[in-house]
Protein backbone atom coordinates (compact mmCIF):
# COMPACT_ATOMS: atom_id res chain seq x y z
CA MET A 1 89.47 106.61 77.47
CA ASN A 2 92.08 107.20 74.71
CA VAL A 3 92.08 104.39 72.23
CA LEU A 4 94.95 104.07 69.59
CA THR A 5 93.78 102.31 66.43
CA VAL A 6 96.65 101.14 64.19
CA ASP A 7 95.72 99.99 60.69
CA ASP A 8 96.96 100.61 57.22
CA GLU A 9 93.50 100.41 55.79
CA ALA A 10 91.88 103.92 55.87
CA LYS A 11 88.30 102.48 55.83
CA ILE A 12 88.93 100.37 58.93
CA ARG A 13 90.58 103.28 60.81
CA GLU A 14 87.61 105.48 59.95
CA ALA A 15 84.99 102.99 60.85
CA VAL A 16 86.49 102.05 64.16
CA SER A 17 87.16 105.79 64.98
CA ASP A 18 83.60 106.82 64.22
CA TYR A 19 81.99 103.92 66.16
CA LEU A 20 84.14 104.27 69.25
CA THR A 21 83.80 108.17 69.26
CA HIS A 22 80.06 107.61 69.41
CA LYS A 23 80.71 105.40 72.36
CA GLY A 24 82.25 108.42 74.08
CA MET A 25 85.95 107.42 73.59
CA THR A 26 88.76 109.46 72.20
CA VAL A 27 90.27 107.82 69.19
CA LEU A 28 93.88 108.32 68.03
CA THR A 29 94.78 106.75 64.66
CA ALA A 30 98.02 105.63 62.99
CA GLU A 31 98.48 103.97 59.56
CA ASN A 32 101.90 102.40 60.27
CA GLY A 33 104.05 101.14 63.07
CA ARG A 34 106.24 104.28 63.31
CA GLN A 35 103.23 106.47 63.66
CA ALA A 36 101.86 104.12 66.34
CA LEU A 37 104.99 104.04 68.35
CA GLY A 38 105.41 107.95 68.15
CA ILE A 39 101.83 108.45 69.30
CA PHE A 40 102.27 106.02 72.04
CA SER A 41 105.35 107.70 73.37
CA MET A 42 103.86 111.10 73.29
CA LYS A 43 100.20 110.59 74.37
CA GLN A 44 98.25 108.91 77.14
CA VAL A 45 96.88 105.70 75.54
CA ASP A 46 94.49 103.51 77.48
CA PHE A 47 93.76 100.80 74.85
CA ILE A 48 95.31 99.83 71.59
CA ILE A 49 93.62 98.07 68.59
CA LEU A 50 96.59 96.77 66.47
CA ASP A 51 96.67 95.38 62.98
CA LEU A 52 99.25 92.52 62.56
CA MET A 53 100.16 93.30 59.01
CA LEU A 54 101.48 96.77 58.67
CA PRO A 55 103.82 98.17 55.85
CA ASP A 56 106.83 99.00 57.92
CA ILE A 57 106.90 97.41 61.44
CA THR A 58 104.85 94.34 62.12
CA GLY A 59 102.22 94.32 64.78
CA GLU A 60 103.97 91.65 66.58
CA GLU A 61 107.18 93.89 66.88
CA ILE A 62 105.00 96.78 68.00
CA CYS A 63 103.39 94.64 70.58
CA ARG A 64 106.69 93.45 71.86
CA ARG A 65 108.13 96.91 72.11
CA ILE A 66 105.15 98.23 73.89
CA ARG A 67 105.11 95.46 76.41
CA GLU A 68 108.66 96.29 77.39
CA SER A 69 107.29 99.27 79.25
CA SER A 70 103.45 99.05 79.42
CA SER A 71 100.58 96.72 80.28
CA VAL A 72 98.07 98.69 78.21
CA PRO A 73 95.37 96.35 76.94
CA ILE A 74 95.91 95.40 73.35
CA ILE A 75 93.60 93.66 70.78
CA MET A 76 95.29 92.49 67.54
CA LEU A 77 93.38 92.50 64.20
CA THR A 78 94.50 89.82 61.93
CA ALA A 79 93.66 88.50 58.46
CA LYS A 80 95.75 85.46 59.28
CA SER A 81 93.97 82.36 60.12
CA GLN A 82 96.79 80.09 61.26
CA GLU A 83 96.48 79.29 64.88
CA GLU A 84 100.29 79.70 65.38
CA ASP A 85 100.22 83.33 64.24
CA MET A 86 97.44 84.16 66.78
CA LEU A 87 99.17 82.20 69.56
CA ARG A 88 102.29 84.16 68.82
CA GLY A 89 100.49 87.37 69.17
CA LEU A 90 99.12 86.28 72.56
CA ASP A 91 102.60 85.09 73.63
CA LEU A 92 103.95 88.62 72.85
CA GLY A 93 101.51 90.11 75.25
CA ALA A 94 98.33 90.82 73.30
CA ASP A 95 95.16 90.43 75.33
CA ASP A 96 92.94 89.18 72.50
CA TYR A 97 92.69 89.04 68.74
CA ILE A 98 90.01 89.48 66.23
CA LYS A 99 89.88 87.99 62.68
CA LYS A 100 89.23 90.31 59.77
CA PRO A 101 86.54 90.96 58.59
CA PHE A 102 84.94 91.82 61.91
CA SER A 103 81.83 93.64 63.16
CA LEU A 104 82.29 96.91 65.24
CA LYS A 105 79.77 95.55 67.79
CA GLU A 106 82.07 92.54 68.29
CA LEU A 107 85.16 94.68 68.65
CA TYR A 108 83.46 96.81 71.28
CA ALA A 109 82.23 93.70 73.23
CA ARG A 110 85.72 92.32 73.12
CA MET A 111 87.17 95.55 74.40
CA GLN A 112 84.78 95.41 77.43
CA THR A 113 85.78 91.84 78.04
CA VAL A 114 89.49 92.71 78.08
CA LEU A 115 88.97 95.68 80.32
CA ARG A 116 87.19 93.56 82.81
CA ARG A 117 89.78 90.78 82.72
CA SER A 118 92.69 93.30 83.04
CA GLY A 119 91.05 94.86 86.14
CA ARG A 120 90.58 98.14 84.35
CA PRO A 121 86.89 98.78 84.83
CA SER A 122 84.80 99.63 81.76
CA VAL A 123 83.37 102.81 83.16
CA MET A 124 81.80 104.08 80.10
CA GLN A 125 78.23 102.58 79.93
CA SER A 126 75.96 103.10 76.91
CA TYR A 127 72.11 103.88 77.19
CA GLY A 128 70.98 104.46 73.63
CA GLU A 129 72.44 107.63 72.31
CA LEU A 130 74.02 108.38 75.73
CA CYS A 131 77.47 107.18 76.98
CA VAL A 132 78.07 107.82 80.60
CA ASP A 133 81.25 107.62 82.82
CA MET A 134 80.12 108.18 86.32
CA GLN A 135 83.70 107.92 87.78
CA GLU A 136 85.08 110.69 85.57
CA LYS A 137 81.64 112.56 85.40
CA LYS A 138 81.62 112.53 81.65
CA LEU A 139 78.50 112.32 79.47
CA HIS A 140 78.36 112.08 75.79
CA LYS A 141 75.31 112.08 73.46
CA ASN A 142 76.20 110.91 69.93
CA GLY A 143 79.80 111.63 70.51
CA ASP A 144 79.19 115.20 71.87
CA GLU A 145 80.08 115.95 75.38
CA ILE A 146 77.36 117.35 77.65
CA GLN A 147 78.00 119.42 80.80
CA LEU A 148 75.86 118.67 83.87
CA THR A 149 75.73 120.45 87.18
CA ALA A 150 76.51 118.67 90.40
CA SER A 151 72.79 118.26 91.25
CA GLU A 152 72.11 116.81 87.80
CA TRP A 153 74.84 114.32 88.12
CA LYS A 154 73.46 113.13 91.40
CA LEU A 155 70.12 112.74 89.85
CA LEU A 156 71.46 110.95 86.80
CA ASP A 157 73.35 108.48 89.15
CA VAL A 158 70.14 107.68 90.96
CA PHE A 159 68.28 107.15 87.79
CA LEU A 160 70.92 104.88 86.27
CA LYS A 161 71.24 102.70 89.43
CA ASN A 162 67.35 102.31 89.43
CA ALA A 163 66.67 102.13 85.79
CA GLY A 164 63.20 100.85 85.10
CA ARG A 165 61.97 101.55 88.56
CA VAL A 166 59.51 104.36 89.46
CA LEU A 167 60.86 106.78 91.89
CA SER A 168 58.65 109.33 93.75
CA ARG A 169 59.97 112.91 94.28
CA GLU A 170 60.58 112.07 97.93
CA GLN A 171 62.66 109.04 96.97
CA LEU A 172 64.74 111.00 94.48
CA ILE A 173 65.40 113.82 96.99
CA GLU A 174 66.50 111.25 99.63
CA MET A 175 68.56 109.21 97.32
CA ALA A 176 70.26 112.04 95.50
CA PHE A 177 70.57 114.73 98.15
CA GLY A 178 70.08 113.11 101.50
CA LEU A 179 67.36 113.60 104.14
CA ASP A 180 68.68 117.02 105.15
CA PHE A 181 68.01 118.54 101.65
CA ASP A 182 66.67 121.98 102.49
CA SER A 183 64.08 122.33 99.71
CA TYR A 184 60.54 121.41 98.76
CA ASP A 185 59.76 118.38 96.59
CA ARG A 186 58.66 120.35 93.50
CA ALA A 187 62.27 121.63 93.33
CA ILE A 188 63.21 118.15 91.96
CA ASP A 189 60.91 118.81 88.95
CA THR A 190 63.16 121.87 87.98
CA HIS A 191 66.35 119.75 88.11
CA ILE A 192 64.69 117.03 85.96
CA LYS A 193 63.53 119.56 83.51
CA ASN A 194 67.05 120.86 83.08
CA LEU A 195 68.42 117.36 82.87
CA ARG A 196 65.91 116.34 80.17
CA ARG A 197 66.74 119.51 78.14
CA LYS A 198 70.29 118.28 78.03
CA ILE A 199 69.82 114.56 77.35
CA GLU A 200 66.61 114.32 75.44
CA ASN A 201 66.09 114.85 71.70
CA ASP A 202 62.68 116.43 72.61
CA PRO A 203 62.24 117.19 76.23
CA HIS A 204 58.38 117.53 75.77
CA PHE A 205 58.42 113.87 74.65
CA PRO A 206 61.24 112.26 76.68
CA GLU A 207 62.80 108.90 75.77
CA TYR A 208 64.75 108.47 78.91
CA ILE A 209 63.25 110.22 81.92
CA LYS A 210 59.57 109.26 81.84
CA THR A 211 56.93 110.92 84.00
CA VAL A 212 54.66 108.33 85.75
CA HIS A 213 51.57 110.49 86.49
CA GLY A 214 50.68 110.50 90.17
CA MET A 215 53.79 108.55 91.17
CA GLY A 216 57.04 110.13 89.98
CA TYR A 217 59.70 109.41 87.42
CA ARG A 218 61.29 106.37 85.66
CA PHE A 219 64.53 106.14 83.78
CA GLU A 220 63.88 104.01 80.78
CA VAL A 221 66.83 101.93 79.37
CA SER A 222 67.07 102.46 75.65
CA GLY A 223 69.28 100.29 73.42
């Protein structure tokens, strides 16, 4: 998901960019209204985090212009505490607002809420250091994209849907590949070994895909 962050404070732009990048998003930044409108006209933008008080064009005016042609979700950042200012932003088409100072966790949670309300599913799910988008088949670890094979994606999908549950090799084969999978059950170990090598910090001491001796494997949700 491409997120446009518009704020004249460099520290806020950098903090938001770093945090959302680690959540697997692509972040575009602008320090004023003209830059923001230029980026919006040239790039695909899926979400906007917009400061109300900018040095050239106000956040309200940017929101108004964008709403003339787009329903992209917008969260406004504001140092203003007056209820009228916030209501005006919402009237112009903003989906939500956050008062400064704010926590990055709060911002991310508000983004998820806005996405659900707008009917745009929040497809990027976080599991500790991992961020997974099963629809787009994208996996990030600490902001770095990881490439998986088709078989590894099928296995990861099964693990995520059954997080915390012990699955035998036979169950993993049936759920990931189907009953007609033409291979022996130990082949699943090879796929899991390769998947661990990509997602674990230390494949020999896995944090996510745990071996349950004599039973199978369990995906452990972390964070």
